Full PDB file with SEQRES, HELIX, SHEET, SSBOND, CRYST1, ORIGX, SCALE, CONECT and MASTER records, all heavy atoms in Angstrom:
SEQRES   1 A   40  GLU LYS GLY TYR SER VAL ALA ASP LEU GLN ALA TYR LEU          
SEQRES   2 A   40  GLY MET GLU TYR PRO GLN ALA VAL TYR HIS TRP GLN ALA          
SEQRES   3 A   40  GLY ARG ASN LEU PRO SER VAL ASP HIS LEU TYR ALA ILE          
SEQRES   4 A   40  SER                                                          
HELIX    1 AA1 VAL A    6  TYR A   12  1                                   7    
HELIX    2 AA2 GLN A   19  GLN A   25  1                                   7    
HELIX    3 AA3 VAL A   33  ILE A   39  1                                   7    
CRYST1    1.000    1.000    1.000  90.00  90.00  90.00 P 1           1          
ORIGX1      1.000000  0.000000  0.000000        0.00000                         
ORIGX2      0.000000  1.000000  0.000000        0.00000                         
ORIGX3      0.000000  0.000000  1.000000        0.00000                         
SCALE1      1.000000  0.000000  0.000000        0.00000                         
SCALE2      0.000000  1.000000  0.000000        0.00000                         
SCALE3      0.000000  0.000000  1.000000        0.00000                         
ATOM      1  N   GLU A   1     140.064 124.347 -32.512  1.00  0.00           N  
ATOM      2  CA  GLU A   1     139.055 123.905 -33.477  1.00  0.00           C  
ATOM      3  C   GLU A   1     137.798 123.361 -32.772  1.00  0.00           C  
ATOM      4  O   GLU A   1     136.679 123.499 -33.289  1.00  0.00           O  
ATOM      5  CB  GLU A   1     139.599 122.797 -34.392  1.00  0.00           C  
ATOM      6  CG  GLU A   1     140.526 123.319 -35.458  1.00  0.00           C  
ATOM      7  CD  GLU A   1     141.122 122.194 -36.312  1.00  0.00           C  
ATOM      8  OE1 GLU A   1     140.824 120.998 -36.057  1.00  0.00           O  
ATOM      9  OE2 GLU A   1     141.891 122.528 -37.217  1.00  0.00           O  
ATOM     10  N   LYS A   2     137.976 122.746 -31.625  1.00  0.00           N  
ATOM     11  CA  LYS A   2     136.848 122.195 -30.873  1.00  0.00           C  
ATOM     12  C   LYS A   2     136.206 123.247 -29.965  1.00  0.00           C  
ATOM     13  O   LYS A   2     135.232 122.961 -29.277  1.00  0.00           O  
ATOM     14  CB  LYS A   2     137.292 120.999 -30.040  1.00  0.00           C  
ATOM     15  CG  LYS A   2     137.804 119.844 -30.865  1.00  0.00           C  
ATOM     16  CD  LYS A   2     136.719 119.176 -31.665  1.00  0.00           C  
ATOM     17  CE  LYS A   2     137.267 117.984 -32.417  1.00  0.00           C  
ATOM     18  NZ  LYS A   2     136.248 117.146 -32.996  1.00  0.00           N  
ATOM     19  N   GLY A   3     136.768 124.461 -29.950  1.00  0.00           N  
ATOM     20  CA  GLY A   3     136.157 125.553 -29.197  1.00  0.00           C  
ATOM     21  C   GLY A   3     136.502 125.602 -27.713  1.00  0.00           C  
ATOM     22  O   GLY A   3     135.793 126.222 -26.934  1.00  0.00           O  
ATOM     23  N   TYR A   4     137.599 124.933 -27.336  1.00  0.00           N  
ATOM     24  CA  TYR A   4     138.019 124.933 -25.929  1.00  0.00           C  
ATOM     25  C   TYR A   4     139.162 125.908 -25.705  1.00  0.00           C  
ATOM     26  O   TYR A   4     140.050 126.032 -26.537  1.00  0.00           O  
ATOM     27  CB  TYR A   4     138.458 123.545 -25.496  1.00  0.00           C  
ATOM     28  CG  TYR A   4     137.338 122.543 -25.432  1.00  0.00           C  
ATOM     29  CD1 TYR A   4     137.195 121.560 -26.400  1.00  0.00           C  
ATOM     30  CD2 TYR A   4     136.395 122.587 -24.402  1.00  0.00           C  
ATOM     31  CE1 TYR A   4     136.149 120.648 -26.352  1.00  0.00           C  
ATOM     32  CE2 TYR A   4     135.367 121.683 -24.341  1.00  0.00           C  
ATOM     33  CZ  TYR A   4     135.245 120.716 -25.316  1.00  0.00           C  
ATOM     34  OH  TYR A   4     134.216 119.809 -25.258  1.00  0.00           O  
ATOM     35  N   SER A   5     139.131 126.579 -24.559  1.00  0.00           N  
ATOM     36  CA  SER A   5     140.214 127.474 -24.171  1.00  0.00           C  
ATOM     37  C   SER A   5     141.194 126.700 -23.318  1.00  0.00           C  
ATOM     38  O   SER A   5     140.945 125.557 -22.882  1.00  0.00           O  
ATOM     39  CB  SER A   5     139.655 128.641 -23.368  1.00  0.00           C  
ATOM     40  OG  SER A   5     139.166 128.183 -22.102  1.00  0.00           O  
ATOM     41  N   VAL A   6     142.346 127.311 -23.035  1.00  0.00           N  
ATOM     42  CA  VAL A   6     143.320 126.705 -22.116  1.00  0.00           C  
ATOM     43  C   VAL A   6     142.650 126.526 -20.756  1.00  0.00           C  
ATOM     44  O   VAL A   6     142.815 125.490 -20.108  1.00  0.00           O  
ATOM     45  CB  VAL A   6     144.592 127.572 -22.025  1.00  0.00           C  
ATOM     46  CG1 VAL A   6     145.472 127.121 -20.864  1.00  0.00           C  
ATOM     47  CG2 VAL A   6     145.362 127.516 -23.329  1.00  0.00           C  
ATOM     48  N   ALA A   7     141.875 127.518 -20.337  1.00  0.00           N  
ATOM     49  CA  ALA A   7     141.177 127.423 -19.032  1.00  0.00           C  
ATOM     50  C   ALA A   7     140.209 126.247 -19.020  1.00  0.00           C  
ATOM     51  O   ALA A   7     140.035 125.570 -18.000  1.00  0.00           O  
ATOM     52  CB  ALA A   7     140.467 128.719 -18.719  1.00  0.00           C  
ATOM     53  N   ASP A   8     139.528 125.994 -20.140  1.00  0.00           N  
ATOM     54  CA  ASP A   8     138.631 124.842 -20.226  1.00  0.00           C  
ATOM     55  C   ASP A   8     139.374 123.536 -20.034  1.00  0.00           C  
ATOM     56  O   ASP A   8     138.943 122.663 -19.300  1.00  0.00           O  
ATOM     57  CB  ASP A   8     137.912 124.810 -21.592  1.00  0.00           C  
ATOM     58  CG  ASP A   8     136.931 125.933 -21.816  1.00  0.00           C  
ATOM     59  OD1 ASP A   8     136.357 126.438 -20.825  1.00  0.00           O  
ATOM     60  OD2 ASP A   8     136.749 126.325 -22.989  1.00  0.00           O  
ATOM     61  N   LEU A   9     140.523 123.417 -20.718  1.00  0.00           N  
ATOM     62  CA  LEU A   9     141.333 122.222 -20.594  1.00  0.00           C  
ATOM     63  C   LEU A   9     141.852 122.047 -19.177  1.00  0.00           C  
ATOM     64  O   LEU A   9     141.806 120.954 -18.609  1.00  0.00           O  
ATOM     65  CB  LEU A   9     142.479 122.294 -21.589  1.00  0.00           C  
ATOM     66  CG  LEU A   9     143.143 121.006 -22.022  1.00  0.00           C  
ATOM     67  CD1 LEU A   9     142.146 119.998 -22.555  1.00  0.00           C  
ATOM     68  CD2 LEU A   9     144.208 121.283 -23.070  1.00  0.00           C  
ATOM     69  N   GLN A  10     142.303 123.144 -18.604  1.00  0.00           N  
ATOM     70  CA  GLN A  10     142.772 123.143 -17.211  1.00  0.00           C  
ATOM     71  C   GLN A  10     141.679 122.641 -16.263  1.00  0.00           C  
ATOM     72  O   GLN A  10     141.898 121.750 -15.431  1.00  0.00           O  
ATOM     73  CB  GLN A  10     143.195 124.550 -16.815  1.00  0.00           C  
ATOM     74  CG  GLN A  10     143.518 124.721 -15.363  1.00  0.00           C  
ATOM     75  CD  GLN A  10     143.583 126.183 -14.947  1.00  0.00           C  
ATOM     76  OE1 GLN A  10     143.658 127.075 -15.787  1.00  0.00           O  
ATOM     77  NE2 GLN A  10     143.558 126.431 -13.664  1.00  0.00           N  
ATOM     78  N   ALA A  11     140.461 123.169 -16.410  1.00  0.00           N  
ATOM     79  CA  ALA A  11     139.357 122.774 -15.552  1.00  0.00           C  
ATOM     80  C   ALA A  11     138.978 121.323 -15.760  1.00  0.00           C  
ATOM     81  O   ALA A  11     138.742 120.559 -14.804  1.00  0.00           O  
ATOM     82  CB  ALA A  11     138.149 123.682 -15.805  1.00  0.00           C  
ATOM     83  N   TYR A  12     138.922 120.899 -17.015  1.00  0.00           N  
ATOM     84  CA  TYR A  12     138.524 119.517 -17.338  1.00  0.00           C  
ATOM     85  C   TYR A  12     139.518 118.518 -16.709  1.00  0.00           C  
ATOM     86  O   TYR A  12     139.112 117.473 -16.197  1.00  0.00           O  
ATOM     87  CB  TYR A  12     138.496 119.340 -18.858  1.00  0.00           C  
ATOM     88  CG  TYR A  12     138.185 117.922 -19.303  1.00  0.00           C  
ATOM     89  CD1 TYR A  12     136.914 117.409 -19.147  1.00  0.00           C  
ATOM     90  CD2 TYR A  12     139.171 117.127 -19.868  1.00  0.00           C  
ATOM     91  CE1 TYR A  12     136.623 116.115 -19.544  1.00  0.00           C  
ATOM     92  CE2 TYR A  12     138.877 115.838 -20.284  1.00  0.00           C  
ATOM     93  CZ  TYR A  12     137.599 115.329 -20.130  1.00  0.00           C  
ATOM     94  OH  TYR A  12     137.338 114.047 -20.519  1.00  0.00           O  
ATOM     95  N   LEU A  13     140.805 118.869 -16.717  1.00  0.00           N  
ATOM     96  CA  LEU A  13     141.824 117.970 -16.186  1.00  0.00           C  
ATOM     97  C   LEU A  13     142.006 118.122 -14.685  1.00  0.00           C  
ATOM     98  O   LEU A  13     142.796 117.383 -14.076  1.00  0.00           O  
ATOM     99  CB  LEU A  13     143.167 118.212 -16.918  1.00  0.00           C  
ATOM    100  CG  LEU A  13     143.152 117.902 -18.415  1.00  0.00           C  
ATOM    101  CD1 LEU A  13     144.446 118.370 -19.051  1.00  0.00           C  
ATOM    102  CD2 LEU A  13     142.889 116.428 -18.678  1.00  0.00           C  
ATOM    103  N   GLY A  14     141.295 119.084 -14.078  1.00  0.00           N  
ATOM    104  CA  GLY A  14     141.378 119.273 -12.640  1.00  0.00           C  
ATOM    105  C   GLY A  14     142.715 119.853 -12.187  1.00  0.00           C  
ATOM    106  O   GLY A  14     143.196 119.553 -11.098  1.00  0.00           O  
ATOM    107  N   MET A  15     143.298 120.671 -13.029  1.00  0.00           N  
ATOM    108  CA  MET A  15     144.593 121.274 -12.735  1.00  0.00           C  
ATOM    109  C   MET A  15     144.393 122.620 -12.052  1.00  0.00           C  
ATOM    110  O   MET A  15     143.503 123.372 -12.413  1.00  0.00           O  
ATOM    111  CB  MET A  15     145.397 121.427 -14.030  1.00  0.00           C  
ATOM    112  CG  MET A  15     145.586 120.106 -14.759  1.00  0.00           C  
ATOM    113  SD  MET A  15     146.217 120.339 -16.423  1.00  0.00           S  
ATOM    114  CE  MET A  15     147.898 120.761 -16.065  1.00  0.00           C  
ATOM    115  N   GLU A  16     145.240 122.897 -11.081  1.00  0.00           N  
ATOM    116  CA  GLU A  16     145.123 124.141 -10.330  1.00  0.00           C  
ATOM    117  C   GLU A  16     145.565 125.352 -11.157  1.00  0.00           C  
ATOM    118  O   GLU A  16     145.011 126.432 -11.054  1.00  0.00           O  
ATOM    119  CB  GLU A  16     145.944 124.065  -9.035  1.00  0.00           C  
ATOM    120  CG  GLU A  16     145.689 125.188  -8.095  1.00  0.00           C  
ATOM    121  CD  GLU A  16     146.338 124.979  -6.733  1.00  0.00           C  
ATOM    122  OE1 GLU A  16     146.804 123.872  -6.447  1.00  0.00           O  
ATOM    123  OE2 GLU A  16     146.387 125.957  -5.962  1.00  0.00           O  
ATOM    124  N   TYR A  17     146.603 125.136 -11.984  1.00  0.00           N  
ATOM    125  CA  TYR A  17     147.185 126.235 -12.786  1.00  0.00           C  
ATOM    126  C   TYR A  17     147.251 125.822 -14.249  1.00  0.00           C  
ATOM    127  O   TYR A  17     147.416 124.651 -14.570  1.00  0.00           O  
ATOM    128  CB  TYR A  17     148.597 126.570 -12.283  1.00  0.00           C  
ATOM    129  CG  TYR A  17     148.617 126.978 -10.838  1.00  0.00           C  
ATOM    130  CD1 TYR A  17     149.092 126.101  -9.849  1.00  0.00           C  
ATOM    131  CD2 TYR A  17     148.158 128.213 -10.428  1.00  0.00           C  
ATOM    132  CE1 TYR A  17     149.110 126.458  -8.518  1.00  0.00           C  
ATOM    133  CE2 TYR A  17     148.155 128.603  -9.100  1.00  0.00           C  
ATOM    134  CZ  TYR A  17     148.640 127.709  -8.141  1.00  0.00           C  
ATOM    135  OH  TYR A  17     148.638 128.069  -6.833  1.00  0.00           O  
ATOM    136  N   PRO A  18     147.198 126.811 -15.164  1.00  0.00           N  
ATOM    137  CA  PRO A  18     147.219 126.486 -16.609  1.00  0.00           C  
ATOM    138  C   PRO A  18     148.610 126.307 -17.196  1.00  0.00           C  
ATOM    139  O   PRO A  18     148.739 125.954 -18.356  1.00  0.00           O  
ATOM    140  CB  PRO A  18     146.525 127.704 -17.231  1.00  0.00           C  
ATOM    141  CG  PRO A  18     146.947 128.829 -16.317  1.00  0.00           C  
ATOM    142  CD  PRO A  18     146.944 128.225 -14.932  1.00  0.00           C  
ATOM    143  N   GLN A  19     149.653 126.557 -16.411  1.00  0.00           N  
ATOM    144  CA  GLN A  19     151.024 126.543 -16.968  1.00  0.00           C  
ATOM    145  C   GLN A  19     151.362 125.259 -17.702  1.00  0.00           C  
ATOM    146  O   GLN A  19     152.009 125.273 -18.746  1.00  0.00           O  
ATOM    147  CB  GLN A  19     152.078 126.809 -15.873  1.00  0.00           C  
ATOM    148  CG  GLN A  19     152.211 128.257 -15.512  1.00  0.00           C  
ATOM    149  CD  GLN A  19     151.153 128.729 -14.512  1.00  0.00           C  
ATOM    150  OE1 GLN A  19     150.289 127.962 -14.096  1.00  0.00           O  
ATOM    151  NE2 GLN A  19     151.213 129.989 -14.141  1.00  0.00           N  
ATOM    152  N   ALA A  20     150.926 124.101 -17.165  1.00  0.00           N  
ATOM    153  CA  ALA A  20     151.245 122.838 -17.811  1.00  0.00           C  
ATOM    154  C   ALA A  20     150.698 122.798 -19.236  1.00  0.00           C  
ATOM    155  O   ALA A  20     151.384 122.357 -20.171  1.00  0.00           O  
ATOM    156  CB  ALA A  20     150.707 121.663 -17.016  1.00  0.00           C  
ATOM    157  N   VAL A  21     149.481 123.302 -19.427  1.00  0.00           N  
ATOM    158  CA  VAL A  21     148.880 123.311 -20.762  1.00  0.00           C  
ATOM    159  C   VAL A  21     149.698 124.190 -21.688  1.00  0.00           C  
ATOM    160  O   VAL A  21     149.985 123.820 -22.842  1.00  0.00           O  
ATOM    161  CB  VAL A  21     147.405 123.796 -20.736  1.00  0.00           C  
ATOM    162  CG1 VAL A  21     146.820 123.855 -22.134  1.00  0.00           C  
ATOM    163  CG2 VAL A  21     146.565 122.903 -19.837  1.00  0.00           C  
ATOM    164  N   TYR A  22     150.117 125.348 -21.204  1.00  0.00           N  
ATOM    165  CA  TYR A  22     150.965 126.240 -22.021  1.00  0.00           C  
ATOM    166  C   TYR A  22     152.299 125.574 -22.353  1.00  0.00           C  
ATOM    167  O   TYR A  22     152.803 125.708 -23.466  1.00  0.00           O  
ATOM    168  CB  TYR A  22     151.195 127.576 -21.304  1.00  0.00           C  
ATOM    169  CG  TYR A  22     149.953 128.454 -21.288  1.00  0.00           C  
ATOM    170  CD1 TYR A  22     149.333 128.776 -20.098  1.00  0.00           C  
ATOM    171  CD2 TYR A  22     149.407 128.952 -22.458  1.00  0.00           C  
ATOM    172  CE1 TYR A  22     148.196 129.576 -20.050  1.00  0.00           C  
ATOM    173  CE2 TYR A  22     148.274 129.755 -22.442  1.00  0.00           C  
ATOM    174  CZ  TYR A  22     147.676 130.062 -21.249  1.00  0.00           C  
ATOM    175  OH  TYR A  22     146.542 130.848 -21.215  1.00  0.00           O  
ATOM    176  N   HIS A  23     152.867 124.837 -21.417  1.00  0.00           N  
ATOM    177  CA  HIS A  23     154.122 124.111 -21.652  1.00  0.00           C  
ATOM    178  C   HIS A  23     153.924 123.025 -22.716  1.00  0.00           C  
ATOM    179  O   HIS A  23     154.787 122.856 -23.586  1.00  0.00           O  
ATOM    180  CB  HIS A  23     154.673 123.515 -20.369  1.00  0.00           C  
ATOM    181  CG  HIS A  23     155.295 124.493 -19.462  1.00  0.00           C  
ATOM    182  ND1 HIS A  23     156.565 124.997 -19.644  1.00  0.00           N  
ATOM    183  CD2 HIS A  23     154.846 125.093 -18.328  1.00  0.00           C  
ATOM    184  CE1 HIS A  23     156.863 125.859 -18.676  1.00  0.00           C  
ATOM    185  NE2 HIS A  23     155.820 125.940 -17.866  1.00  0.00           N  
ATOM    186  N   TRP A  24     152.805 122.323 -22.650  1.00  0.00           N  
ATOM    187  CA  TRP A  24     152.527 121.290 -23.665  1.00  0.00           C  
ATOM    188  C   TRP A  24     152.430 121.943 -25.029  1.00  0.00           C  
ATOM    189  O   TRP A  24     153.010 121.461 -25.981  1.00  0.00           O  
ATOM    190  CB  TRP A  24     151.225 120.566 -23.378  1.00  0.00           C  
ATOM    191  CG  TRP A  24     151.152 119.873 -22.066  1.00  0.00           C  
ATOM    192  CD1 TRP A  24     152.196 119.424 -21.286  1.00  0.00           C  
ATOM    193  CD2 TRP A  24     149.960 119.525 -21.346  1.00  0.00           C  
ATOM    194  NE1 TRP A  24     151.723 118.824 -20.154  1.00  0.00           N  
ATOM    195  CE2 TRP A  24     150.351 118.873 -20.144  1.00  0.00           C  
ATOM    196  CE3 TRP A  24     148.592 119.712 -21.587  1.00  0.00           C  
ATOM    197  CZ2 TRP A  24     149.426 118.407 -19.217  1.00  0.00           C  
ATOM    198  CZ3 TRP A  24     147.700 119.240 -20.657  1.00  0.00           C  
ATOM    199  CH2 TRP A  24     148.099 118.587 -19.488  1.00  0.00           C  
ATOM    200  N   GLN A  25     151.667 123.032 -25.123  1.00  0.00           N  
ATOM    201  CA  GLN A  25     151.451 123.691 -26.400  1.00  0.00           C  
ATOM    202  C   GLN A  25     152.711 124.297 -26.979  1.00  0.00           C  
ATOM    203  O   GLN A  25     152.873 124.404 -28.196  1.00  0.00           O  
ATOM    204  CB  GLN A  25     150.365 124.773 -26.254  1.00  0.00           C  
ATOM    205  CG  GLN A  25     148.994 124.188 -26.008  1.00  0.00           C  
ATOM    206  CD  GLN A  25     147.908 125.246 -25.945  1.00  0.00           C  
ATOM    207  OE1 GLN A  25     146.758 124.901 -26.147  1.00  0.00           O  
ATOM    208  NE2 GLN A  25     148.217 126.481 -25.672  1.00  0.00           N  
ATOM    209  N   ALA A  26     153.651 124.680 -26.101  1.00  0.00           N  
ATOM    210  CA  ALA A  26     154.925 125.235 -26.559  1.00  0.00           C  
ATOM    211  C   ALA A  26     155.925 124.143 -26.898  1.00  0.00           C  
ATOM    212  O   ALA A  26     157.030 124.439 -27.385  1.00  0.00           O  
ATOM    213  CB  ALA A  26     155.510 126.141 -25.466  1.00  0.00           C  
ATOM    214  N   GLY A  27     155.581 122.885 -26.642  1.00  0.00           N  
ATOM    215  CA  GLY A  27     156.470 121.793 -26.942  1.00  0.00           C  
ATOM    216  C   GLY A  27     157.603 121.623 -25.920  1.00  0.00           C  
ATOM    217  O   GLY A  27     158.597 120.973 -26.193  1.00  0.00           O  
ATOM    218  N   ARG A  28     157.426 122.189 -24.727  1.00  0.00           N  
ATOM    219  CA  ARG A  28     158.461 122.045 -23.677  1.00  0.00           C  
ATOM    220  C   ARG A  28     158.408 120.681 -23.019  1.00  0.00           C  
ATOM    221  O   ARG A  28     159.415 120.169 -22.579  1.00  0.00           O  
ATOM    222  CB  ARG A  28     158.294 123.116 -22.631  1.00  0.00           C  
ATOM    223  CG  ARG A  28     158.636 124.510 -23.163  1.00  0.00           C  
ATOM    224  CD  ARG A  28     158.688 125.550 -22.039  1.00  0.00           C  
ATOM    225  NE  ARG A  28     158.590 126.861 -22.615  1.00  0.00           N  
ATOM    226  CZ  ARG A  28     157.514 127.656 -22.569  1.00  0.00           C  
ATOM    227  NH1 ARG A  28     156.422 127.245 -21.942  1.00  0.00           N  
ATOM    228  NH2 ARG A  28     157.528 128.822 -23.134  1.00  0.00           N  
ATOM    229  N   ASN A  29     157.196 120.120 -22.924  1.00  0.00           N  
ATOM    230  CA  ASN A  29     157.018 118.754 -22.414  1.00  0.00           C  
ATOM    231  C   ASN A  29     155.702 118.220 -22.905  1.00  0.00           C  
ATOM    232  O   ASN A  29     154.976 118.912 -23.628  1.00  0.00           O  
ATOM    233  CB  ASN A  29     157.154 118.689 -20.879  1.00  0.00           C  
ATOM    234  CG  ASN A  29     156.256 119.650 -20.153  1.00  0.00           C  
ATOM    235  OD1 ASN A  29     155.127 119.904 -20.572  1.00  0.00           O  
ATOM    236  ND2 ASN A  29     156.760 120.213 -19.073  1.00  0.00           N  
ATOM    237  N   LEU A  30     155.392 116.999 -22.535  1.00  0.00           N  
ATOM    238  CA  LEU A  30     154.177 116.329 -23.003  1.00  0.00           C  
ATOM    239  C   LEU A  30     153.263 116.014 -21.839  1.00  0.00           C  
ATOM    240  O   LEU A  30     153.735 115.824 -20.701  1.00  0.00           O  
ATOM    241  CB  LEU A  30     154.546 114.998 -23.694  1.00  0.00           C  
ATOM    242  CG  LEU A  30     155.353 115.123 -24.980  1.00  0.00           C  
ATOM    243  CD1 LEU A  30     155.875 113.748 -25.394  1.00  0.00           C  
ATOM    244  CD2 LEU A  30     154.492 115.723 -26.096  1.00  0.00           C  
ATOM    245  N   PRO A  31     151.968 115.925 -22.098  1.00  0.00           N  
ATOM    246  CA  PRO A  31     151.038 115.522 -21.035  1.00  0.00           C  
ATOM    247  C   PRO A  31     151.329 114.100 -20.593  1.00  0.00           C  
ATOM    248  O   PRO A  31     151.858 113.287 -21.376  1.00  0.00           O  
ATOM    249  CB  PRO A  31     149.672 115.596 -21.700  1.00  0.00           C  
ATOM    250  CG  PRO A  31     149.842 116.233 -23.034  1.00  0.00           C  
ATOM    251  CD  PRO A  31     151.280 116.177 -23.369  1.00  0.00           C  
ATOM    252  N   SER A  32     150.958 113.760 -19.374  1.00  0.00           N  
ATOM    253  CA  SER A  32     151.040 112.379 -18.922  1.00  0.00           C  
ATOM    254  C   SER A  32     150.127 111.535 -19.783  1.00  0.00           C  
ATOM    255  O   SER A  32     149.246 112.041 -20.475  1.00  0.00           O  
ATOM    256  CB  SER A  32     150.611 112.282 -17.454  1.00  0.00           C  
ATOM    257  OG  SER A  32     149.230 112.527 -17.347  1.00  0.00           O  
ATOM    258  N   VAL A  33     150.321 110.240 -19.733  1.00  0.00           N  
ATOM    259  CA  VAL A  33     149.455 109.344 -20.498  1.00  0.00           C  
ATOM    260  C   VAL A  33     148.003 109.522 -20.077  1.00  0.00           C  
ATOM    261  O   VAL A  33     147.096 109.556 -20.919  1.00  0.00           O  
ATOM    262  CB  VAL A  33     149.901 107.873 -20.295  1.00  0.00           C  
ATOM    263  CG1 VAL A  33     148.922 106.929 -20.979  1.00  0.00           C  
ATOM    264  CG2 VAL A  33     151.304 107.665 -20.878  1.00  0.00           C  
ATOM    265  N   ASP A  34     147.743 109.664 -18.771  1.00  0.00           N  
ATOM    266  CA  ASP A  34     146.365 109.868 -18.298  1.00  0.00           C  
ATOM    267  C   ASP A  34     145.778 111.152 -18.866  1.00  0.00           C  
ATOM    268  O   ASP A  34     144.627 111.163 -19.332  1.00  0.00           O  
ATOM    269  CB  ASP A  34     146.323 109.944 -16.770  1.00  0.00           C  
ATOM    270  CG  ASP A  34     146.550 108.582 -16.097  1.00  0.00           C  
ATOM    271  OD1 ASP A  34     146.379 107.548 -16.804  1.00  0.00           O  
ATOM    272  OD2 ASP A  34     146.860 108.555 -14.932  1.00  0.00           O  
ATOM    273  N   HIS A  35     146.541 112.222 -18.824  1.00  0.00           N  
ATOM    274  CA  HIS A  35     146.042 113.501 -19.355  1.00  0.00           C  
ATOM    275  C   HIS A  35     145.872 113.418 -20.871  1.00  0.00           C  
ATOM    276  O   HIS A  35     144.875 113.929 -21.421  1.00  0.00           O  
ATOM    277  CB  HIS A  35     146.974 114.651 -19.001  1.00  0.00           C  
ATOM    278  CG  HIS A  35     146.794 115.141 -17.600  1.00  0.00           C  
ATOM    279  ND1 HIS A  35     147.803 115.750 -16.898  1.00  0.00           N  
ATOM    280  CD2 HIS A  35     145.737 115.124 -16.772  1.00  0.00           C  
ATOM    281  CE1 HIS A  35     147.358 116.085 -15.701  1.00  0.00           C  
ATOM    282  NE2 HIS A  35     146.100 115.700 -15.604  1.00  0.00           N  
ATOM    283  N   LEU A  36     146.812 112.783 -21.550  1.00  0.00           N  
ATOM    284  CA  LEU A  36     146.712 112.653 -22.998  1.00  0.00           C  
ATOM    285  C   LEU A  36     145.461 111.890 -23.386  1.00  0.00           C  
ATOM    286  O   LEU A  36     144.728 112.287 -24.303  1.00  0.00           O  
ATOM    287  CB  LEU A  36     147.971 111.945 -23.529  1.00  0.00           C  
ATOM    288  CG  LEU A  36     148.178 111.896 -25.022  1.00  0.00           C  
ATOM    289  CD1 LEU A  36     148.243 113.319 -25.615  1.00  0.00           C  
ATOM    290  CD2 LEU A  36     149.453 111.139 -25.342  1.00  0.00           C  
ATOM    291  N   TYR A  37     145.173 110.819 -22.673  1.00  0.00           N  
ATOM    292  CA  TYR A  37     143.981 110.008 -22.939  1.00  0.00           C  
ATOM    293  C   TYR A  37     142.705 110.830 -22.683  1.00  0.00           C  
ATOM    294  O   TYR A  37     141.776 110.836 -23.506  1.00  0.00           O  
ATOM    295  CB  TYR A  37     144.006 108.756 -22.074  1.00  0.00           C  
ATOM    296  CG  TYR A  37     142.843 107.824 -22.325  1.00  0.00           C  
ATOM    297  CD1 TYR A  37     142.747 107.130 -23.534  1.00  0.00           C  
ATOM    298  CD2 TYR A  37     141.863 107.639 -21.374  1.00  0.00           C  
ATOM    299  CE1 TYR A  37     141.675 106.284 -23.772  1.00  0.00           C  
ATOM    300  CE2 TYR A  37     140.799 106.796 -21.601  1.00  0.00           C  
ATOM    301  CZ  TYR A  37     140.701 106.117 -22.808  1.00  0.00           C  
ATOM    302  OH  TYR A  37     139.646 105.269 -23.034  1.00  0.00           O  
ATOM    303  N   ALA A  38     142.672 111.547 -21.562  1.00  0.00           N  
ATOM    304  CA  ALA A  38     141.528 112.387 -21.243  1.00  0.00           C  
ATOM    305  C   ALA A  38     141.313 113.488 -22.289  1.00  0.00           C  
ATOM    306  O   ALA A  38     140.189 113.762 -22.713  1.00  0.00           O  
ATOM    307  CB  ALA A  38     141.675 113.009 -19.845  1.00  0.00           C  
ATOM    308  N   ILE A  39     142.396 114.115 -22.707  1.00  0.00           N  
ATOM    309  CA  ILE A  39     142.315 115.165 -23.726  1.00  0.00           C  
ATOM    310  C   ILE A  39     141.753 114.592 -25.023  1.00  0.00           C  
ATOM    311  O   ILE A  39     140.907 115.214 -25.681  1.00  0.00           O  
ATOM    312  CB  ILE A  39     143.688 115.812 -23.973  1.00  0.00           C  
ATOM    313  CG1 ILE A  39     144.125 116.613 -22.737  1.00  0.00           C  
ATOM    314  CG2 ILE A  39     143.678 116.714 -25.204  1.00  0.00           C  
ATOM    315  CD1 ILE A  39     145.612 116.994 -22.730  1.00  0.00           C  
ATOM    316  N   SER A  40     142.203 113.390 -25.391  1.00  0.00           N  
ATOM    317  CA  SER A  40     141.704 112.777 -26.630  1.00  0.00           C  
ATOM    318  C   SER A  40     140.200 112.547 -26.551  1.00  0.00           C  
ATOM    319  O   SER A  40     139.483 112.729 -27.540  1.00  0.00           O  
ATOM    320  CB  SER A  40     142.445 111.468 -26.927  1.00  0.00           C  
ATOM    321  OG  SER A  40     142.023 110.410 -26.092  1.00  0.00           O  
TER     322      SER A  40                                                      
MASTER        0    0    0    3    0    0    0    6  321    1    0    4          
END                                                                             
């Protein structure tokens, strides 16, 4: 809804690979508190 891609989120969070974002979106695990706060 905000117009961001998985790659955008990956870059914003300084992550080397996008897999963590895909895992979060699939409900396999949750972002760390730091990442959750930054995403918000």
